Amino acid sequence: MTERLEAEREQIHLWPPREAPLARVDERPPPVPEQRGVLIEGGTLRLREFLPSDVDGVLGIFGDPRTTREFGMPPFRRPDAAALVEQARAGARRTPRTHYRLGVSEIATGELIGSAKLIVEDQSGEGGMVRVGYRSAEVGLALRADRVSVGHSVEIGFLLGVLGFDRLGLHRVWSGFMPSNVAAQRAIEKAGMVREGRLRHYGHVDGVWHDIVQYSILEDDWKALRGR
């Protein structure tokens, strides 16, 4: 990297889900995060910034039709993988930062096995009657085909929770899935998310409309999972 971003490491432990308390209104202003590189570690996996050398690893993830069919899109070619890495690095340089496209790597080997995202929604609308998307973000995950169904999704869900709730001070994090991706929905439920419903024709890829099943987790849900 031409510029080295300061990164902090954080070890987290996974707790079994517990019943969340009743929701409460919290109008505290969210903390202003410092502009730094993201590096968050769990038991076996790490969320980190993408590097220029990750293009081949990204191609190994999104170049496989077994992965991309779950997103309703064709497999990547090498220029597509290079573009994703560059977009991720450009997003990391923006101030304030709203797009977090991060690599998922194994701590033991350093091998890139997935791509995760957290996109903070537009915070405009001050003074309006209803503030839609306030302190909210969308998260997503794509794992290399040979790393699916081995329990990684649950751990990555917690790592994204650390970023969204503990680091960025969000109130709500949500994610959407193709209805056919039942395995991902089961994994996200284990990570503490709650199914909200099915959005008809919410996604549009290559001229085809797709329904999306939406899940979310709230700030108080997260605190309950973390035992706070």
C-alpha atoms as a PDB file:
ATOM      1  CA  MET A   1       0.000   0.000   0.000  1.00  0.00           C
ATOM      2  CA  THR A   2       1.280   3.492  -0.839  1.00  0.00           C
ATOM      3  CA  GLU A   3      -0.149   4.796   2.423  1.00  0.00           C
ATOM      4  CA  ARG A   4      -0.407   2.819   5.586  1.00  0.00           C
ATOM      5  CA  LEU A   5      -3.538   3.339   7.602  1.00  0.00           C
ATOM      6  CA  GLU A   6      -3.432   2.936  11.358  1.00  0.00           C
ATOM      7  CA  ALA A   7      -5.412  -0.104  12.347  1.00  0.00           C
ATOM      8  CA  GLU A   8      -6.612  -1.380  15.677  1.00  0.00           C
ATOM      9  CA  ARG A   9      -7.149  -5.024  16.513  1.00  0.00           C
ATOM     10  CA  GLU A  10     -10.015  -6.274  18.567  1.00  0.00           C
ATOM     11  CA  GLN A  11     -10.616  -9.797  19.799  1.00  0.00           C
ATOM     12  CA  ILE A  12     -14.249 -10.754  20.338  1.00  0.00           C
ATOM     13  CA  HIS A  13     -15.893 -13.843  21.730  1.00  0.00           C
ATOM     14  CA  LEU A  14     -19.149 -15.273  20.515  1.00  0.00           C
ATOM     15  CA  TRP A  15     -22.042 -15.492  22.921  1.00  0.00           C
ATOM     16  CA  PRO A  16     -25.188 -17.573  22.404  1.00  0.00           C
ATOM     17  CA  PRO A  17     -28.236 -15.453  21.514  1.00  0.00           C
ATOM     18  CA  ARG A  18     -30.361 -14.323  24.420  1.00  0.00           C
ATOM     19  CA  GLU A  19     -33.773 -12.711  24.536  1.00  0.00           C
ATOM     20  CA  ALA A  20     -33.450  -9.021  23.689  1.00  0.00           C
ATOM     21  CA  PRO A  21     -35.021  -6.330  25.929  1.00  0.00           C
ATOM     22  CA  LEU A  22     -37.855  -4.137  24.727  1.00  0.00           C
ATOM     23  CA  ALA A  23     -36.820  -1.444  22.267  1.00  0.00           C
ATOM     24  CA  ARG A  24     -36.305   2.056  23.602  1.00  0.00           C
ATOM     25  CA  VAL A  25     -35.879   5.402  21.907  1.00  0.00           C
ATOM     26  CA  ASP A  26     -32.289   6.650  22.013  1.00  0.00           C
ATOM     27  CA  GLU A  27     -31.599  10.054  20.534  1.00  0.00           C
ATOM     28  CA  ARG A  28     -27.983  10.327  21.599  1.00  0.00           C
ATOM     29  CA  PRO A  29     -25.818  11.561  18.734  1.00  0.00           C
ATOM     30  CA  PRO A  30     -23.677   8.771  17.326  1.00  0.00           C
ATOM     31  CA  PRO A  31     -19.964   8.976  18.051  1.00  0.00           C
ATOM     32  CA  VAL A  32     -17.784  10.304  15.269  1.00  0.00           C
ATOM     33  CA  PRO A  33     -15.492   7.455  14.229  1.00  0.00           C
ATOM     34  CA  GLU A  34     -11.836   8.129  13.602  1.00  0.00           C
ATOM     35  CA  GLN A  35     -10.667   7.716  10.025  1.00  0.00           C
ATOM     36  CA  ARG A  36      -8.509   4.623  10.138  1.00  0.00           C
ATOM     37  CA  GLY A  37      -8.127   1.292   8.480  1.00  0.00           C
ATOM     38  CA  VAL A  38     -10.432  -1.465   9.675  1.00  0.00           C
ATOM     39  CA  LEU A  39      -8.903  -4.531  11.278  1.00  0.00           C
ATOM     40  CA  ILE A  40     -11.189  -6.662  13.451  1.00  0.00           C
ATOM     41  CA  GLU A  41     -10.424 -10.219  14.511  1.00  0.00           C
ATOM     42  CA  GLY A  42     -12.616 -13.006  15.815  1.00  0.00           C
ATOM     43  CA  GLY A  43     -11.688 -16.521  16.808  1.00  0.00           C
ATOM     44  CA  THR A  44     -10.533 -17.678  13.365  1.00  0.00           C
ATOM     45  CA  LEU A  45     -11.304 -14.872  10.898  1.00  0.00           C
ATOM     46  CA  ARG A  46     -10.238 -11.303  10.281  1.00  0.00           C
ATOM     47  CA  LEU A  47     -11.992  -8.332   8.641  1.00  0.00           C
ATOM     48  CA  ARG A  48      -9.444  -6.089   6.943  1.00  0.00           C
ATOM     49  CA  GLU A  49      -9.009  -3.543   4.192  1.00  0.00           C
ATOM     50  CA  PHE A  50      -8.493  -4.790   0.640  1.00  0.00           C
ATOM     51  CA  LEU A  51      -4.984  -4.636  -0.839  1.00  0.00           C
ATOM     52  CA  PRO A  52      -3.990  -4.298  -4.525  1.00  0.00           C
ATOM     53  CA  SER A  53      -2.632  -7.857  -4.294  1.00  0.00           C
ATOM     54  CA  ASP A  54      -6.129  -9.203  -3.504  1.00  0.00           C
ATOM     55  CA  VAL A  55      -7.377  -9.192  -7.113  1.00  0.00           C
ATOM     56  CA  ASP A  56      -6.744 -12.910  -7.628  1.00  0.00           C
ATOM     57  CA  GLY A  57      -8.393 -13.704  -4.303  1.00  0.00           C
ATOM     58  CA  VAL A  58     -11.469 -11.666  -5.237  1.00  0.00           C
ATOM     59  CA  LEU A  59     -11.631 -13.465  -8.571  1.00  0.00           C
ATOM     60  CA  GLY A  60     -11.545 -16.761  -6.686  1.00  0.00           C
ATOM     61  CA  ILE A  61     -14.657 -15.638  -4.784  1.00  0.00           C
ATOM     62  CA  PHE A  62     -16.783 -13.895  -7.400  1.00  0.00           C
ATOM     63  CA  GLY A  63     -15.432 -15.732 -10.448  1.00  0.00           C
ATOM     64  CA  ASP A  64     -17.184 -18.882  -9.277  1.00  0.00           C
ATOM     65  CA  PRO A  65     -20.793 -19.227 -10.529  1.00  0.00           C
ATOM     66  CA  ARG A  66     -21.675 -21.135  -7.359  1.00  0.00           C
ATOM     67  CA  THR A  67     -21.159 -17.865  -5.489  1.00  0.00           C
ATOM     68  CA  THR A  68     -22.573 -15.322  -7.918  1.00  0.00           C
ATOM     69  CA  ARG A  69     -25.801 -17.213  -8.603  1.00  0.00           C
ATOM     70  CA  GLU A  70     -26.807 -16.452  -4.997  1.00  0.00           C
ATOM     71  CA  PHE A  71     -26.682 -12.759  -5.938  1.00  0.00           C
ATOM     72  CA  GLY A  72     -28.437 -13.143  -9.280  1.00  0.00           C
ATOM     73  CA  MET A  73     -25.407 -11.987 -11.274  1.00  0.00           C
ATOM     74  CA  PRO A  74     -22.887 -13.526 -13.706  1.00  0.00           C
ATOM     75  CA  PRO A  75     -19.398 -14.594 -12.571  1.00  0.00           C
ATOM     76  CA  PHE A  76     -16.645 -11.963 -12.441  1.00  0.00           C
ATOM     77  CA  ARG A  77     -13.857 -11.673 -14.924  1.00  0.00           C
ATOM     78  CA  ARG A  78     -10.465 -10.347 -13.848  1.00  0.00           C
ATOM     79  CA  PRO A  79     -11.292  -6.679 -14.714  1.00  0.00           C
ATOM     80  CA  ASP A  80     -14.389  -6.963 -12.511  1.00  0.00           C
ATOM     81  CA  ALA A  81     -12.291  -8.225  -9.595  1.00  0.00           C
ATOM     82  CA  ALA A  82      -9.768  -5.427 -10.074  1.00  0.00           C
ATOM     83  CA  ALA A  83     -12.590  -2.868 -10.144  1.00  0.00           C
ATOM     84  CA  LEU A  84     -14.041  -4.180  -6.855  1.00  0.00           C
ATOM     85  CA  VAL A  85     -10.655  -3.870  -5.145  1.00  0.00           C
ATOM     86  CA  GLU A  86     -10.174  -0.340  -6.442  1.00  0.00           C
ATOM     87  CA  GLN A  87     -13.701   0.694  -5.424  1.00  0.00           C
ATOM     88  CA  ALA A  88     -13.090  -0.708  -1.940  1.00  0.00           C
ATOM     89  CA  ARG A  89      -9.851   1.219  -1.582  1.00  0.00           C
ATOM     90  CA  ALA A  90     -11.442   4.412  -2.917  1.00  0.00           C
ATOM     91  CA  GLY A  91     -14.258   4.067  -0.398  1.00  0.00           C
ATOM     92  CA  ALA A  92     -11.721   3.749   2.421  1.00  0.00           C
ATOM     93  CA  ARG A  93     -10.189   7.099   1.451  1.00  0.00           C
ATOM     94  CA  ARG A  94     -13.441   9.069   1.550  1.00  0.00           C
ATOM     95  CA  THR A  95     -14.253  11.369   4.460  1.00  0.00           C
ATOM     96  CA  PRO A  96     -16.669  10.814   6.025  1.00  0.00           C
ATOM     97  CA  ARG A  97     -16.512   7.152   5.169  1.00  0.00           C
ATOM     98  CA  THR A  98     -19.822   5.467   4.385  1.00  0.00           C
ATOM     99  CA  HIS A  99     -18.745   2.444   2.311  1.00  0.00           C
ATOM    100  CA  TYR A 100     -16.834  -0.358   4.004  1.00  0.00           C
ATOM    101  CA  ARG A 101     -15.937  -3.101   1.529  1.00  0.00           C
ATOM    102  CA  LEU A 102     -13.633  -5.424   3.449  1.00  0.00           C
ATOM    103  CA  GLY A 103     -11.734  -8.607   2.893  1.00  0.00           C
ATOM    104  CA  VAL A 104     -12.346 -11.674   5.043  1.00  0.00           C
ATOM    105  CA  SER A 105      -9.183 -13.655   5.670  1.00  0.00           C
ATOM    106  CA  GLU A 106      -8.176 -16.585   7.838  1.00  0.00           C
ATOM    107  CA  ILE A 107      -6.057 -15.556  10.800  1.00  0.00           C
ATOM    108  CA  ALA A 108      -3.963 -18.734  10.699  1.00  0.00           C
ATOM    109  CA  THR A 109      -3.011 -18.538   7.011  1.00  0.00           C
ATOM    110  CA  GLY A 110      -3.812 -14.974   5.917  1.00  0.00           C
ATOM    111  CA  GLU A 111      -5.741 -16.425   2.970  1.00  0.00           C
ATOM    112  CA  LEU A 112      -8.564 -14.289   1.535  1.00  0.00           C
ATOM    113  CA  ILE A 113     -11.770 -16.320   1.642  1.00  0.00           C
ATOM    114  CA  GLY A 114     -14.534 -13.728   1.441  1.00  0.00           C
ATOM    115  CA  SER A 115     -15.745 -10.194   0.898  1.00  0.00           C
ATOM    116  CA  ALA A 116     -17.942  -8.302   3.359  1.00  0.00           C
ATOM    117  CA  LYS A 117     -19.605  -4.918   3.080  1.00  0.00           C
ATOM    118  CA  LEU A 118     -21.217  -2.367   5.368  1.00  0.00           C
ATOM    119  CA  ILE A 119     -22.840   0.640   3.697  1.00  0.00           C
ATOM    120  CA  VAL A 120     -24.060   3.445   5.950  1.00  0.00           C
ATOM    121  CA  GLU A 121     -27.319   4.889   4.673  1.00  0.00           C
ATOM    122  CA  ASP A 122     -27.800   8.549   3.783  1.00  0.00           C
ATOM    123  CA  GLN A 123     -27.975  10.543   7.019  1.00  0.00           C
ATOM    124  CA  SER A 124     -29.610  13.609   5.455  1.00  0.00           C
ATOM    125  CA  GLY A 125     -33.089  14.780   6.376  1.00  0.00           C
ATOM    126  CA  GLU A 126     -32.323  16.764   9.529  1.00  0.00           C
ATOM    127  CA  GLY A 127     -35.480  18.419  10.840  1.00  0.00           C
ATOM    128  CA  GLY A 128     -37.883  16.256   8.847  1.00  0.00           C
ATOM    129  CA  MET A 129     -40.909  14.586  10.366  1.00  0.00           C
ATOM    130  CA  VAL A 130     -39.475  11.104   9.816  1.00  0.00           C
ATOM    131  CA  ARG A 131     -35.786  10.287   9.426  1.00  0.00           C
ATOM    132  CA  VAL A 132     -35.595   7.109   7.362  1.00  0.00           C
ATOM    133  CA  GLY A 133     -32.369   5.163   7.602  1.00  0.00           C
ATOM    134  CA  TYR A 134     -30.955   7.239  10.458  1.00  0.00           C
ATOM    135  CA  ARG A 135     -27.971   5.442  12.062  1.00  0.00           C
ATOM    136  CA  SER A 136     -28.662   2.460   9.806  1.00  0.00           C
ATOM    137  CA  ALA A 137     -26.509   0.396   7.447  1.00  0.00           C
ATOM    138  CA  GLU A 138     -26.772  -2.504   5.035  1.00  0.00           C
ATOM    139  CA  VAL A 139     -24.381  -5.417   5.416  1.00  0.00           C
ATOM    140  CA  GLY A 140     -23.552  -8.215   3.007  1.00  0.00           C
ATOM    141  CA  LEU A 141     -21.198 -11.153   2.660  1.00  0.00           C
ATOM    142  CA  ALA A 142     -19.830 -13.384  -0.068  1.00  0.00           C
ATOM    143  CA  LEU A 143     -17.669 -16.401   0.776  1.00  0.00           C
ATOM    144  CA  ARG A 144     -15.533 -18.476  -1.529  1.00  0.00           C
ATOM    145  CA  ALA A 145     -17.513 -21.557  -2.534  1.00  0.00           C
ATOM    146  CA  ASP A 146     -15.248 -23.963  -0.648  1.00  0.00           C
ATOM    147  CA  ARG A 147     -15.707 -21.980   2.576  1.00  0.00           C
ATOM    148  CA  VAL A 148     -19.511 -21.987   2.603  1.00  0.00           C
ATOM    149  CA  SER A 149     -21.440 -24.076   5.154  1.00  0.00           C
ATOM    150  CA  VAL A 150     -18.573 -24.388   7.632  1.00  0.00           C
ATOM    151  CA  GLY A 151     -19.837 -21.842  10.169  1.00  0.00           C
ATOM    152  CA  HIS A 152     -17.927 -18.781   8.970  1.00  0.00           C
ATOM    153  CA  SER A 153     -21.041 -16.689   8.299  1.00  0.00           C
ATOM    154  CA  VAL A 154     -21.948 -16.557  11.990  1.00  0.00           C
ATOM    155  CA  GLU A 155     -18.494 -15.348  13.007  1.00  0.00           C
ATOM    156  CA  ILE A 156     -18.399 -12.755  10.235  1.00  0.00           C
ATOM    157  CA  GLY A 157     -21.836 -11.544  11.306  1.00  0.00           C
ATOM    158  CA  PHE A 158     -20.421 -10.794  14.736  1.00  0.00           C
ATOM    159  CA  LEU A 159     -17.389  -9.039  13.262  1.00  0.00           C
ATOM    160  CA  LEU A 160     -19.690  -6.802  11.208  1.00  0.00           C
ATOM    161  CA  GLY A 161     -21.669  -6.143  14.389  1.00  0.00           C
ATOM    162  CA  VAL A 162     -18.488  -4.959  16.100  1.00  0.00           C
ATOM    163  CA  LEU A 163     -17.859  -2.566  13.216  1.00  0.00           C
ATOM    164  CA  GLY A 164     -21.425  -1.317  12.923  1.00  0.00           C
ATOM    165  CA  PHE A 165     -22.502  -1.024  16.546  1.00  0.00           C
ATOM    166  CA  ASP A 166     -19.316  -0.787  18.613  1.00  0.00           C
ATOM    167  CA  ARG A 167     -17.177   1.245  16.209  1.00  0.00           C
ATOM    168  CA  LEU A 168     -19.680   3.325  14.211  1.00  0.00           C
ATOM    169  CA  GLY A 169     -22.457   3.745  16.767  1.00  0.00           C
ATOM    170  CA  LEU A 170     -25.253   2.509  14.500  1.00  0.00           C
ATOM    171  CA  HIS A 171     -28.780   1.761  15.709  1.00  0.00           C
ATOM    172  CA  ARG A 172     -29.907  -0.692  13.020  1.00  0.00           C
ATOM    173  CA  VAL A 173     -28.095  -3.063  10.661  1.00  0.00           C
ATOM    174  CA  TRP A 174     -29.961  -4.938   7.954  1.00  0.00           C
ATOM    175  CA  SER A 175     -29.262  -7.425   5.185  1.00  0.00           C
ATOM    176  CA  GLY A 176     -31.140  -8.926   2.251  1.00  0.00           C
ATOM    177  CA  PHE A 177     -30.965 -12.350   0.618  1.00  0.00           C
ATOM    178  CA  MET A 178     -32.304 -14.128  -2.409  1.00  0.00           C
ATOM    179  CA  PRO A 179     -35.205 -16.319  -1.222  1.00  0.00           C
ATOM    180  CA  SER A 180     -33.393 -19.377  -2.562  1.00  0.00           C
ATOM    181  CA  ASN A 181     -30.379 -18.767  -0.318  1.00  0.00           C
ATOM    182  CA  VAL A 182     -31.812 -20.627   2.656  1.00  0.00           C
ATOM    183  CA  ALA A 183     -28.398 -21.492   4.135  1.00  0.00           C
ATOM    184  CA  ALA A 184     -27.444 -17.820   4.412  1.00  0.00           C
ATOM    185  CA  GLN A 185     -30.757 -16.998   6.078  1.00  0.00           C
ATOM    186  CA  ARG A 186     -30.228 -19.716   8.670  1.00  0.00           C
ATOM    187  CA  ALA A 187     -26.717 -18.462   9.363  1.00  0.00           C
ATOM    188  CA  ILE A 188     -27.813 -14.848   9.794  1.00  0.00           C
ATOM    189  CA  GLU A 189     -30.528 -15.922  12.214  1.00  0.00           C
ATOM    190  CA  LYS A 190     -27.863 -17.703  14.283  1.00  0.00           C
ATOM    191  CA  ALA A 191     -25.919 -14.435  14.299  1.00  0.00           C
ATOM    192  CA  GLY A 192     -28.892 -12.698  15.934  1.00  0.00           C
ATOM    193  CA  MET A 193     -30.759 -11.104  13.016  1.00  0.00           C
ATOM    194  CA  VAL A 194     -34.556 -11.165  12.804  1.00  0.00           C
ATOM    195  CA  ARG A 195     -36.529 -11.740   9.607  1.00  0.00           C
ATOM    196  CA  GLU A 196     -38.602  -8.695   8.684  1.00  0.00           C
ATOM    197  CA  GLY A 197     -40.291  -9.849   5.506  1.00  0.00           C
ATOM    198  CA  ARG A 198     -40.026 -10.310   1.762  1.00  0.00           C
ATOM    199  CA  LEU A 199     -39.541  -7.305  -0.525  1.00  0.00           C
ATOM    200  CA  ARG A 200     -41.059  -8.067  -3.917  1.00  0.00           C
ATOM    201  CA  HIS A 201     -38.916  -7.229  -6.960  1.00  0.00           C
ATOM    202  CA  TYR A 202     -36.523  -5.198  -4.813  1.00  0.00           C
ATOM    203  CA  GLY A 203     -33.422  -6.271  -6.734  1.00  0.00           C
ATOM    204  CA  HIS A 204     -32.778  -5.822 -10.463  1.00  0.00           C
ATOM    205  CA  VAL A 205     -29.840  -7.562 -12.151  1.00  0.00           C
ATOM    206  CA  ASP A 206     -29.262  -7.891 -15.900  1.00  0.00           C
ATOM    207  CA  GLY A 207     -32.878  -7.146 -16.731  1.00  0.00           C
ATOM    208  CA  VAL A 208     -34.315  -9.573 -14.183  1.00  0.00           C
ATOM    209  CA  TRP A 209     -36.284  -8.610 -11.071  1.00  0.00           C
ATOM    210  CA  HIS A 210     -35.631 -10.485  -7.828  1.00  0.00           C
ATOM    211  CA  ASP A 211     -37.455 -10.664  -4.501  1.00  0.00           C
ATOM    212  CA  ILE A 212     -35.316 -10.049  -1.421  1.00  0.00           C
ATOM    213  CA  VAL A 213     -35.829 -11.490   2.067  1.00  0.00           C
ATOM    214  CA  GLN A 214     -34.826  -8.827   4.586  1.00  0.00           C
ATOM    215  CA  TYR A 215     -33.345  -9.300   8.057  1.00  0.00           C
ATOM    216  CA  SER A 216     -32.215  -6.803  10.689  1.00  0.00           C
ATOM    217  CA  ILE A 217     -30.624  -6.473  14.107  1.00  0.00           C
ATOM    218  CA  LEU A 218     -31.042  -3.465  16.399  1.00  0.00           C
ATOM    219  CA  GLU A 219     -28.674  -1.817  18.833  1.00  0.00           C
ATOM    220  CA  ASP A 220     -30.435  -3.317  21.861  1.00  0.00           C
ATOM    221  CA  ASP A 221     -30.428  -6.780  20.258  1.00  0.00           C
ATOM    222  CA  TRP A 222     -26.673  -6.459  19.834  1.00  0.00           C
ATOM    223  CA  LYS A 223     -26.140  -5.409  23.442  1.00  0.00           C
ATOM    224  CA  ALA A 224     -28.104  -8.457  24.583  1.00  0.00           C
ATOM    225  CA  LEU A 225     -25.961 -10.746  22.446  1.00  0.00           C
ATOM    226  CA  ARG A 226     -22.816  -9.157  23.847  1.00  0.00           C
ATOM    227  CA  GLY A 227     -24.060  -9.589  27.405  1.00  0.00           C
ATOM    228  CA  ARG A 228     -24.121  -5.873  28.160  1.00  0.00           C
END
